[in-house]
Amino acid sequence: MKLHIKNMVCNRCKMVVKAELDKLGFNPVSVELGEVVLAENISHEEKLTIAEKLSPFGFELLQDKKTQLAEQIKTSIINLVHYSKEPLKINLSTYLSEELHLEYPQLSSIFSEVENQTIEKYFIAQKIEKAKEMLTYGELTLSEIAFQLNYSSVAHLSAQFKKVTGATPSAYKSVTSGKRKTLDEI
């Protein structure tokens, strides 16, 4: 049985969910971002128990198919932006269609309906959050960050960064205590 879980955005999230399921006696076959596969089917009451145990950690079991799909889109984007080892040289609509086996217009429509924002805005927010992380660590130049995040130029990255954060990348870096958001808050 497959469970869809909202707000699983990092490897620590996967560890917490697995540990909690193990404590409850469910031995998950796999635990991935936003998704858990159990070997056996479980009852409605058992789902409620799982939801109750995961809730204090900020996780939520998703029942509605549209909400599940929106979470899968978010998880795919998070994986692409934050965990891909290669620069983001991919067309987002093609990537999502291939990942989720649905046409992009359908994905876009459902995402906008559920999240009240476009996939593109969410993608940009994730890219800016990744840029903030890269700026905070100070290991890459702004040109290298722009390349890694597939911006056409430093000017394009800077313009989007300022639009999203209200500060230029240089101003953000000089403050260094720039407050970053957790991925599930974006």
N, C-alpha and C. Protein backbone atom coordinates (compact mmCIF):
# COMPACT_ATOMS: atom_id res chain seq x y z
N MET A 1 0.85 -1.18 0.00
CA MET A 1 0.00 0.00 0.00
C MET A 1 0.89 1.23 0.00
N LYS A 2 0.48 2.23 -0.79
CA LYS A 2 1.25 3.46 -0.91
C LYS A 2 0.56 4.57 -0.12
N LEU A 3 1.36 5.28 0.71
CA LEU A 3 0.86 6.44 1.45
C LEU A 3 1.57 7.67 0.91
N HIS A 4 0.82 8.74 0.74
CA HIS A 4 1.41 10.02 0.31
C HIS A 4 1.43 10.94 1.52
N ILE A 5 2.61 11.52 1.77
CA ILE A 5 2.81 12.32 2.97
C ILE A 5 3.32 13.71 2.60
N LYS A 6 2.62 14.71 3.08
CA LYS A 6 2.96 16.10 2.80
C LYS A 6 4.10 16.55 3.72
N ASN A 7 4.97 17.42 3.18
CA ASN A 7 6.07 18.07 3.89
C ASN A 7 7.30 17.19 4.11
N MET A 8 7.40 16.08 3.41
CA MET A 8 8.63 15.29 3.44
C MET A 8 9.55 15.90 2.38
N VAL A 9 10.52 16.68 2.82
CA VAL A 9 11.32 17.43 1.86
C VAL A 9 12.83 17.18 1.95
N CYS A 10 13.24 16.29 2.85
CA CYS A 10 14.68 16.06 2.99
C CYS A 10 14.92 14.65 3.53
N ASN A 11 16.19 14.27 3.55
CA ASN A 11 16.54 12.93 4.03
C ASN A 11 16.21 12.74 5.51
N ARG A 12 16.32 13.81 6.31
CA ARG A 12 15.96 13.70 7.72
C ARG A 12 14.47 13.40 7.87
N CYS A 13 13.67 14.00 7.00
CA CYS A 13 12.23 13.74 7.02
C CYS A 13 11.97 12.26 6.78
N LYS A 14 12.68 11.69 5.82
CA LYS A 14 12.52 10.27 5.52
C LYS A 14 12.88 9.43 6.74
N MET A 15 13.96 9.81 7.44
CA MET A 15 14.38 9.05 8.63
C MET A 15 13.34 9.13 9.73
N VAL A 16 12.78 10.31 9.95
CA VAL A 16 11.77 10.49 10.99
C VAL A 16 10.53 9.67 10.68
N VAL A 17 10.05 9.74 9.45
CA VAL A 17 8.85 8.99 9.06
C VAL A 17 9.10 7.49 9.21
N LYS A 18 10.25 7.02 8.74
CA LYS A 18 10.56 5.59 8.87
C LYS A 18 10.61 5.17 10.33
N ALA A 19 11.26 5.97 11.17
CA ALA A 19 11.36 5.64 12.60
C ALA A 19 9.98 5.58 13.24
N GLU A 20 9.12 6.53 12.92
CA GLU A 20 7.78 6.54 13.51
C GLU A 20 6.94 5.34 13.03
N LEU A 21 7.06 5.00 11.76
CA LEU A 21 6.33 3.83 11.25
C LEU A 21 6.86 2.55 11.88
N ASP A 22 8.18 2.47 12.06
CA ASP A 22 8.76 1.30 12.72
C ASP A 22 8.25 1.17 14.15
N LYS A 23 8.17 2.31 14.88
CA LYS A 23 7.66 2.29 16.25
C LYS A 23 6.23 1.78 16.31
N LEU A 24 5.45 2.10 15.27
CA LEU A 24 4.05 1.67 15.22
C LEU A 24 3.90 0.22 14.75
N GLY A 25 5.00 -0.40 14.33
CA GLY A 25 4.95 -1.79 13.90
C GLY A 25 4.73 -1.97 12.40
N PHE A 26 4.75 -0.89 11.65
CA PHE A 26 4.65 -0.98 10.19
C PHE A 26 6.08 -0.97 9.67
N ASN A 27 6.42 -1.96 8.90
CA ASN A 27 7.77 -2.01 8.35
C ASN A 27 7.70 -1.57 6.89
N PRO A 28 8.01 -0.30 6.63
CA PRO A 28 7.89 0.19 5.26
C PRO A 28 8.87 -0.49 4.30
N VAL A 29 8.36 -0.80 3.12
CA VAL A 29 9.19 -1.38 2.07
C VAL A 29 10.13 -0.31 1.54
N SER A 30 9.60 0.92 1.36
CA SER A 30 10.44 2.04 0.94
C SER A 30 9.88 3.34 1.50
N VAL A 31 10.79 4.27 1.75
CA VAL A 31 10.42 5.60 2.22
C VAL A 31 11.15 6.60 1.33
N GLU A 32 10.40 7.31 0.51
CA GLU A 32 10.96 8.31 -0.39
C GLU A 32 10.33 9.66 -0.04
N LEU A 33 10.84 10.72 -0.64
CA LEU A 33 10.26 12.04 -0.39
C LEU A 33 8.80 12.02 -0.79
N GLY A 34 7.93 12.27 0.18
CA GLY A 34 6.50 12.37 -0.08
C GLY A 34 5.75 11.07 -0.24
N GLU A 35 6.46 9.93 -0.10
CA GLU A 35 5.79 8.67 -0.41
C GLU A 35 6.38 7.52 0.42
N VAL A 36 5.49 6.70 0.97
CA VAL A 36 5.89 5.52 1.71
C VAL A 36 5.15 4.32 1.13
N VAL A 37 5.87 3.23 0.94
CA VAL A 37 5.24 2.00 0.47
C VAL A 37 5.28 0.99 1.62
N LEU A 38 4.10 0.51 1.99
CA LEU A 38 3.99 -0.53 3.00
C LEU A 38 3.72 -1.86 2.31
N ALA A 39 4.20 -2.95 2.89
CA ALA A 39 4.02 -4.28 2.28
C ALA A 39 2.56 -4.71 2.28
N GLU A 40 1.83 -4.30 3.31
CA GLU A 40 0.44 -4.75 3.44
C GLU A 40 -0.52 -3.56 3.40
N ASN A 41 -1.76 -3.87 3.09
CA ASN A 41 -2.80 -2.84 3.16
C ASN A 41 -3.10 -2.57 4.63
N ILE A 42 -3.52 -1.35 4.92
CA ILE A 42 -3.85 -1.00 6.30
C ILE A 42 -5.26 -0.44 6.36
N SER A 43 -5.84 -0.50 7.54
CA SER A 43 -7.21 -0.04 7.74
C SER A 43 -7.27 1.48 7.86
N HIS A 44 -8.48 1.99 7.79
CA HIS A 44 -8.70 3.43 7.96
C HIS A 44 -8.22 3.87 9.35
N GLU A 45 -8.48 3.06 10.36
CA GLU A 45 -8.07 3.38 11.73
C GLU A 45 -6.54 3.43 11.83
N GLU A 46 -5.86 2.52 11.16
CA GLU A 46 -4.40 2.52 11.18
C GLU A 46 -3.85 3.77 10.47
N LYS A 47 -4.52 4.18 9.40
CA LYS A 47 -4.12 5.42 8.71
C LYS A 47 -4.26 6.62 9.66
N LEU A 48 -5.35 6.64 10.42
CA LEU A 48 -5.56 7.73 11.38
C LEU A 48 -4.47 7.73 12.44
N THR A 49 -4.08 6.55 12.89
CA THR A 49 -3.01 6.43 13.89
C THR A 49 -1.70 6.97 13.32
N ILE A 50 -1.39 6.59 12.10
CA ILE A 50 -0.17 7.07 11.45
C ILE A 50 -0.21 8.59 11.32
N ALA A 51 -1.35 9.11 10.86
CA ALA A 51 -1.50 10.56 10.70
C ALA A 51 -1.28 11.27 12.03
N GLU A 52 -1.84 10.71 13.09
CA GLU A 52 -1.70 11.30 14.43
C GLU A 52 -0.25 11.31 14.89
N LYS A 53 0.48 10.23 14.63
CA LYS A 53 1.89 10.12 15.05
C LYS A 53 2.81 11.03 14.24
N LEU A 54 2.47 11.25 12.97
CA LEU A 54 3.32 12.07 12.12
C LEU A 54 3.03 13.56 12.24
N SER A 55 1.84 13.90 12.67
CA SER A 55 1.42 15.30 12.76
C SER A 55 2.34 16.19 13.59
N PRO A 56 2.80 15.77 14.77
CA PRO A 56 3.68 16.64 15.57
C PRO A 56 4.99 17.01 14.86
N PHE A 57 5.37 16.22 13.86
CA PHE A 57 6.59 16.48 13.10
C PHE A 57 6.32 17.36 11.88
N GLY A 58 5.06 17.76 11.69
CA GLY A 58 4.71 18.61 10.56
C GLY A 58 4.33 17.85 9.30
N PHE A 59 4.13 16.55 9.41
CA PHE A 59 3.74 15.74 8.26
C PHE A 59 2.24 15.53 8.25
N GLU A 60 1.72 15.32 7.06
CA GLU A 60 0.27 15.14 6.90
C GLU A 60 0.02 14.06 5.86
N LEU A 61 -0.84 13.10 6.20
CA LEU A 61 -1.23 12.08 5.22
C LEU A 61 -2.19 12.71 4.22
N LEU A 62 -1.94 12.46 2.95
CA LEU A 62 -2.79 13.03 1.91
C LEU A 62 -3.75 11.98 1.39
N GLN A 63 -5.03 12.33 1.35
CA GLN A 63 -6.05 11.40 0.88
C GLN A 63 -6.51 11.75 -0.53
N ASP A 64 -6.68 13.03 -0.81
CA ASP A 64 -7.21 13.51 -2.07
C ASP A 64 -6.19 13.33 -3.20
N LYS A 65 -6.63 12.81 -4.33
CA LYS A 65 -5.74 12.52 -5.46
C LYS A 65 -5.07 13.79 -6.01
N LYS A 66 -5.81 14.88 -6.08
CA LYS A 66 -5.24 16.13 -6.60
C LYS A 66 -4.15 16.65 -5.66
N THR A 67 -4.40 16.58 -4.37
CA THR A 67 -3.40 17.02 -3.39
C THR A 67 -2.16 16.13 -3.46
N GLN A 68 -2.38 14.83 -3.64
CA GLN A 68 -1.26 13.91 -3.78
C GLN A 68 -0.41 14.26 -5.00
N LEU A 69 -1.08 14.57 -6.11
CA LEU A 69 -0.36 14.92 -7.33
C LEU A 69 0.42 16.23 -7.15
N ALA A 70 -0.20 17.21 -6.51
CA ALA A 70 0.49 18.48 -6.25
C ALA A 70 1.74 18.24 -5.41
N GLU A 71 1.66 17.37 -4.42
CA GLU A 71 2.82 17.04 -3.59
C GLU A 71 3.89 16.31 -4.39
N GLN A 72 3.46 15.45 -5.31
CA GLN A 72 4.43 14.76 -6.16
C GLN A 72 5.16 15.76 -7.06
N ILE A 73 4.45 16.76 -7.55
CA ILE A 73 5.07 17.80 -8.36
C ILE A 73 6.10 18.55 -7.52
N LYS A 74 5.71 18.95 -6.30
CA LYS A 74 6.62 19.66 -5.42
C LYS A 74 7.86 18.82 -5.11
N THR A 75 7.65 17.55 -4.83
CA THR A 75 8.76 16.66 -4.52
C THR A 75 9.70 16.52 -5.72
N SER A 76 9.14 16.41 -6.92
CA SER A 76 9.96 16.31 -8.12
C SER A 76 10.79 17.57 -8.32
N ILE A 77 10.20 18.73 -8.08
CA ILE A 77 10.92 20.00 -8.23
C ILE A 77 12.01 20.12 -7.16
N ILE A 78 11.69 19.76 -5.93
CA ILE A 78 12.69 19.80 -4.85
C ILE A 78 13.86 18.88 -5.19
N ASN A 79 13.57 17.67 -5.65
CA ASN A 79 14.64 16.74 -6.05
C ASN A 79 15.50 17.34 -7.15
N LEU A 80 14.85 17.94 -8.14
CA LEU A 80 15.57 18.53 -9.26
C LEU A 80 16.46 19.69 -8.81
N VAL A 81 15.92 20.59 -8.04
CA VAL A 81 16.66 21.80 -7.66
C VAL A 81 17.69 21.54 -6.56
N HIS A 82 17.32 20.81 -5.55
CA HIS A 82 18.17 20.69 -4.36
C HIS A 82 19.05 19.44 -4.32
N TYR A 83 18.70 18.39 -5.04
CA TYR A 83 19.45 17.15 -4.91
C TYR A 83 20.11 16.67 -6.20
N SER A 84 19.88 17.36 -7.30
CA SER A 84 20.51 16.99 -8.56
C SER A 84 21.98 17.41 -8.52
N LYS A 85 22.84 16.56 -9.00
CA LYS A 85 24.28 16.85 -8.99
C LYS A 85 24.69 17.68 -10.20
N GLU A 86 23.89 17.66 -11.23
CA GLU A 86 24.19 18.38 -12.48
C GLU A 86 23.50 19.73 -12.49
N PRO A 87 24.03 20.69 -13.27
CA PRO A 87 23.33 21.97 -13.43
C PRO A 87 21.93 21.74 -14.01
N LEU A 88 21.01 22.64 -13.70
CA LEU A 88 19.61 22.49 -14.11
C LEU A 88 19.41 22.80 -15.60
N LYS A 89 19.91 21.94 -16.45
CA LYS A 89 19.81 22.15 -17.89
C LYS A 89 18.67 21.30 -18.46
N ILE A 90 17.47 21.48 -17.94
CA ILE A 90 16.35 20.66 -18.38
C ILE A 90 15.10 21.53 -18.47
N ASN A 91 14.25 21.19 -19.40
CA ASN A 91 12.98 21.87 -19.54
C ASN A 91 12.04 21.35 -18.45
N LEU A 92 11.53 22.24 -17.62
CA LEU A 92 10.72 21.83 -16.48
C LEU A 92 9.47 21.06 -16.89
N SER A 93 8.76 21.53 -17.91
CA SER A 93 7.52 20.85 -18.30
C SER A 93 7.81 19.43 -18.80
N THR A 94 8.88 19.26 -19.55
CA THR A 94 9.25 17.93 -20.04
C THR A 94 9.65 17.04 -18.86
N TYR A 95 10.45 17.58 -17.97
CA TYR A 95 10.90 16.83 -16.79
C TYR A 95 9.71 16.33 -15.97
N LEU A 96 8.78 17.23 -15.66
CA LEU A 96 7.62 16.83 -14.84
C LEU A 96 6.73 15.83 -15.57
N SER A 97 6.51 16.04 -16.84
CA SER A 97 5.68 15.10 -17.62
C SER A 97 6.29 13.71 -17.62
N GLU A 98 7.60 13.65 -17.78
CA GLU A 98 8.28 12.35 -17.79
C GLU A 98 8.28 11.71 -16.40
N GLU A 99 8.50 12.52 -15.37
CA GLU A 99 8.54 12.02 -13.99
C GLU A 99 7.19 11.47 -13.54
N LEU A 100 6.12 12.19 -13.90
CA LEU A 100 4.80 11.86 -13.36
C LEU A 100 3.87 11.22 -14.37
N HIS A 101 4.34 11.05 -15.59
CA HIS A 101 3.59 10.34 -16.64
C HIS A 101 2.23 10.97 -16.94
N LEU A 102 2.19 12.29 -16.91
CA LEU A 102 0.98 13.04 -17.26
C LEU A 102 1.39 14.23 -18.12
N GLU A 103 0.45 14.73 -18.90
CA GLU A 103 0.72 15.89 -19.74
C GLU A 103 0.89 17.13 -18.85
N TYR A 104 1.79 18.01 -19.24
CA TYR A 104 2.08 19.19 -18.43
C TYR A 104 0.87 20.10 -18.20
N PRO A 105 0.02 20.36 -19.21
CA PRO A 105 -1.15 21.22 -18.94
C PRO A 105 -2.04 20.69 -17.80
N GLN A 106 -2.19 19.37 -17.74
CA GLN A 106 -2.97 18.76 -16.66
C GLN A 106 -2.26 18.96 -15.32
N LEU A 107 -0.95 18.74 -15.29
CA LEU A 107 -0.18 18.94 -14.06
C LEU A 107 -0.27 20.39 -13.60
N SER A 108 -0.12 21.30 -14.54
CA SER A 108 -0.15 22.72 -14.23
C SER A 108 -1.50 23.15 -13.66
N SER A 109 -2.56 22.67 -14.28
CA SER A 109 -3.91 23.01 -13.84
C SER A 109 -4.19 22.52 -12.42
N ILE A 110 -3.85 21.28 -12.16
CA ILE A 110 -4.09 20.70 -10.82
C ILE A 110 -3.23 21.40 -9.78
N PHE A 111 -1.97 21.63 -10.10
CA PHE A 111 -1.07 22.29 -9.15
C PHE A 111 -1.60 23.68 -8.79
N SER A 112 -1.98 24.45 -9.79
CA SER A 112 -2.51 25.80 -9.55
C SER A 112 -3.77 25.77 -8.70
N GLU A 113 -4.63 24.79 -8.96
CA GLU A 113 -5.87 24.66 -8.20
C GLU A 113 -5.60 24.33 -6.74
N VAL A 114 -4.68 23.42 -6.49
CA VAL A 114 -4.40 22.97 -5.12
C VAL A 114 -3.53 23.95 -4.35
N GLU A 115 -2.50 24.49 -5.00
CA GLU A 115 -1.50 25.30 -4.32
C GLU A 115 -1.73 26.81 -4.42
N ASN A 116 -2.67 27.22 -5.25
CA ASN A 116 -2.94 28.65 -5.47
C ASN A 116 -1.73 29.42 -5.95
N GLN A 117 -0.88 28.76 -6.71
CA GLN A 117 0.26 29.39 -7.38
C GLN A 117 0.64 28.49 -8.56
N THR A 118 1.39 29.04 -9.49
CA THR A 118 1.78 28.25 -10.65
C THR A 118 3.00 27.38 -10.33
N ILE A 119 3.18 26.36 -11.14
CA ILE A 119 4.36 25.51 -11.01
C ILE A 119 5.61 26.37 -11.21
N GLU A 120 5.55 27.29 -12.15
CA GLU A 120 6.71 28.12 -12.45
C GLU A 120 7.11 28.98 -11.25
N LYS A 121 6.12 29.56 -10.57
CA LYS A 121 6.43 30.37 -9.38
C LYS A 121 7.07 29.50 -8.29
N TYR A 122 6.54 28.30 -8.11
CA TYR A 122 7.09 27.40 -7.11
C TYR A 122 8.53 27.01 -7.48
N PHE A 123 8.75 26.74 -8.75
CA PHE A 123 10.08 26.38 -9.24
C PHE A 123 11.07 27.52 -9.01
N ILE A 124 10.65 28.73 -9.33
CA ILE A 124 11.51 29.91 -9.11
C ILE A 124 11.82 30.07 -7.62
N ALA A 125 10.81 29.89 -6.77
CA ALA A 125 11.02 30.01 -5.33
C ALA A 125 12.05 28.99 -4.85
N GLN A 126 11.98 27.79 -5.37
CA GLN A 126 12.94 26.75 -4.99
C GLN A 126 14.34 27.11 -5.48
N LYS A 127 14.43 27.62 -6.70
CA LYS A 127 15.74 28.01 -7.24
C LYS A 127 16.34 29.15 -6.42
N ILE A 128 15.53 30.10 -6.02
CA ILE A 128 16.04 31.22 -5.22
C ILE A 128 16.48 30.72 -3.85
N GLU A 129 15.75 29.80 -3.28
CA GLU A 129 16.15 29.23 -1.99
C GLU A 129 17.48 28.49 -2.12
N LYS A 130 17.67 27.80 -3.23
CA LYS A 130 18.95 27.12 -3.48
C LYS A 130 20.06 28.15 -3.67
N ALA A 131 19.75 29.25 -4.36
CA ALA A 131 20.74 30.32 -4.53
C ALA A 131 21.12 30.91 -3.17
N LYS A 132 20.14 31.09 -2.28
CA LYS A 132 20.43 31.60 -0.93
C LYS A 132 21.38 30.65 -0.20
N GLU A 133 21.12 29.36 -0.32
CA GLU A 133 21.98 28.37 0.32
C GLU A 133 23.40 28.48 -0.23
N MET A 134 23.52 28.56 -1.55
CA MET A 134 24.84 28.65 -2.18
C MET A 134 25.56 29.94 -1.78
N LEU A 135 24.82 31.03 -1.69
CA LEU A 135 25.41 32.30 -1.26
C LEU A 135 25.89 32.23 0.18
N THR A 136 25.09 31.60 1.03
CA THR A 136 25.43 31.48 2.45
C THR A 136 26.73 30.70 2.63
N TYR A 137 26.90 29.63 1.86
CA TYR A 137 28.13 28.83 1.99
C TYR A 137 29.33 29.54 1.38
N GLY A 138 29.09 30.44 0.43
CA GLY A 138 30.16 31.25 -0.13
C GLY A 138 31.21 30.51 -0.94
N GLU A 139 30.90 29.31 -1.41
CA GLU A 139 31.88 28.52 -2.15
C GLU A 139 31.87 28.83 -3.64
N LEU A 140 30.77 29.42 -4.14
CA LEU A 140 30.64 29.69 -5.57
C LEU A 140 30.45 31.18 -5.83
N THR A 141 30.90 31.61 -6.98
CA THR A 141 30.66 32.99 -7.38
C THR A 141 29.21 33.10 -7.87
N LEU A 142 28.74 34.31 -8.02
CA LEU A 142 27.40 34.53 -8.53
C LEU A 142 27.25 33.98 -9.95
N SER A 143 28.29 34.09 -10.74
CA SER A 143 28.28 33.52 -12.10
C SER A 143 28.13 32.00 -12.06
N GLU A 144 28.84 31.36 -11.15
CA GLU A 144 28.75 29.90 -11.02
C GLU A 144 27.37 29.48 -10.52
N ILE A 145 26.82 30.25 -9.60
CA ILE A 145 25.47 29.96 -9.10
C ILE A 145 24.46 30.10 -10.23
N ALA A 146 24.57 31.16 -11.00
CA ALA A 146 23.65 31.38 -12.14
C ALA A 146 23.74 30.20 -13.11
N PHE A 147 24.96 29.73 -13.38
CA PHE A 147 25.15 28.60 -14.28
C PHE A 147 24.51 27.34 -13.69
N GLN A 148 24.78 27.05 -12.42
CA GLN A 148 24.25 25.86 -11.76
C GLN A 148 22.72 25.82 -11.79
N LEU A 149 22.11 26.99 -11.65
CA LEU A 149 20.64 27.07 -11.58
C LEU A 149 20.01 27.37 -12.94
N ASN A 150 20.80 27.33 -13.99
CA ASN A 150 20.35 27.49 -15.37
C ASN A 150 19.73 28.86 -15.66
N TYR A 151 20.32 29.90 -15.10
CA TYR A 151 19.91 31.25 -15.46
C TYR A 151 20.72 31.68 -16.68
N SER A 152 20.11 32.45 -17.55
CA SER A 152 20.79 32.89 -18.78
C SER A 152 21.93 33.86 -18.47
N SER A 153 21.83 34.54 -17.33
CA SER A 153 22.87 35.49 -16.97
C SER A 153 22.80 35.79 -15.47
N VAL A 154 23.85 36.42 -14.97
CA VAL A 154 23.86 36.86 -13.58
C VAL A 154 22.77 37.91 -13.37
N ALA A 155 22.57 38.74 -14.37
CA ALA A 155 21.54 39.79 -14.28
C ALA A 155 20.14 39.18 -14.12
N HIS A 156 19.88 38.10 -14.85
CA HIS A 156 18.58 37.43 -14.74
C HIS A 156 18.39 36.84 -13.34
N LEU A 157 19.42 36.16 -12.85
CA LEU A 157 19.36 35.61 -11.48
C LEU A 157 19.15 36.74 -10.47
N SER A 158 19.92 37.80 -10.60
CA SER A 158 19.82 38.93 -9.65
C SER A 158 18.43 39.55 -9.66
N ALA A 159 17.86 39.71 -10.85
CA ALA A 159 16.52 40.30 -10.96
C ALA A 159 15.47 39.42 -10.29
N GLN A 160 15.54 38.10 -10.56
CA GLN A 160 14.58 37.19 -9.92
C GLN A 160 14.82 37.12 -8.42
N PHE A 161 16.05 37.11 -8.01
CA PHE A 161 16.39 37.05 -6.59
C PHE A 161 15.79 38.25 -5.86
N LYS A 162 15.98 39.43 -6.44
CA LYS A 162 15.46 40.65 -5.82
C LYS A 162 13.93 40.65 -5.80
N LYS A 163 13.32 40.16 -6.87
CA LYS A 163 11.86 40.12 -6.94
C LYS A 163 11.29 39.21 -5.84
N VAL A 164 11.95 38.09 -5.58
CA VAL A 164 11.46 37.12 -4.59
C VAL A 164 11.82 37.54 -3.17
N THR A 165 13.06 38.02 -2.96
CA THR A 165 13.53 38.27 -1.59
C THR A 165 13.48 39.74 -1.18
N GLY A 166 13.45 40.63 -2.17
CA GLY A 166 13.48 42.06 -1.86
C GLY A 166 14.90 42.60 -1.74
N ALA A 167 15.90 41.74 -1.90
CA ALA A 167 17.30 42.17 -1.79
C ALA A 167 18.09 41.59 -2.97
N THR A 168 19.16 42.24 -3.32
CA THR A 168 20.04 41.69 -4.34
C THR A 168 20.84 40.54 -3.74
N PRO A 169 21.38 39.66 -4.57
CA PRO A 169 22.22 38.58 -4.03
C PRO A 169 23.40 39.13 -3.22
N SER A 170 24.00 40.23 -3.69
CA SER A 170 25.14 40.81 -2.96
C SER A 170 24.73 41.32 -1.59
N ALA A 171 23.58 42.01 -1.55
CA ALA A 171 23.09 42.51 -0.26
C ALA A 171 22.75 41.35 0.66
N TYR A 172 22.13 40.31 0.12
CA TYR A 172 21.79 39.13 0.91
C TYR A 172 23.07 38.50 1.49
N LYS A 173 24.09 38.37 0.65
CA LYS A 173 25.33 37.74 1.09
C LYS A 173 26.03 38.58 2.15
N SER A 174 25.97 39.89 2.01
CA SER A 174 26.65 40.74 2.99
C SER A 174 25.97 40.71 4.35
N VAL A 175 24.69 40.46 4.36
CA VAL A 175 23.96 40.33 5.63
C VAL A 175 24.32 39.00 6.29
N THR A 176 24.60 37.99 5.52
CA THR A 176 24.97 36.63 5.92
C THR A 176 24.00 35.97 6.88
N SER A 177 23.27 36.72 7.64
CA SER A 177 22.30 36.09 8.51
C SER A 177 20.96 36.02 7.79
N GLY A 178 21.02 36.07 6.45
CA GLY A 178 19.80 35.98 5.65
C GLY A 178 18.98 34.80 6.09
N LYS A 179 17.77 35.05 6.42
CA LYS A 179 16.92 33.98 6.92
C LYS A 179 16.41 33.14 5.77
N ARG A 180 16.80 31.88 5.80
CA ARG A 180 16.34 30.96 4.78
C ARG A 180 15.10 30.27 5.28
N LYS A 181 14.27 29.83 4.34
CA LYS A 181 13.05 29.10 4.68
C LYS A 181 13.35 27.61 4.57
N THR A 182 12.64 26.82 5.37
CA THR A 182 12.72 25.38 5.18
C THR A 182 11.95 25.08 3.90
N LEU A 183 12.29 23.99 3.23
CA LEU A 183 11.71 23.69 1.93
C LEU A 183 10.19 23.54 1.97
N ASP A 184 9.66 23.08 3.07
CA ASP A 184 8.20 22.92 3.14
C ASP A 184 7.48 24.24 3.38
N GLU A 185 8.22 25.32 3.67
CA GLU A 185 7.60 26.63 3.86
C GLU A 185 7.53 27.42 2.56
N ILE A 186 8.17 26.95 1.52
CA ILE A 186 8.20 27.68 0.25
C ILE A 186 6.93 27.45 -0.51
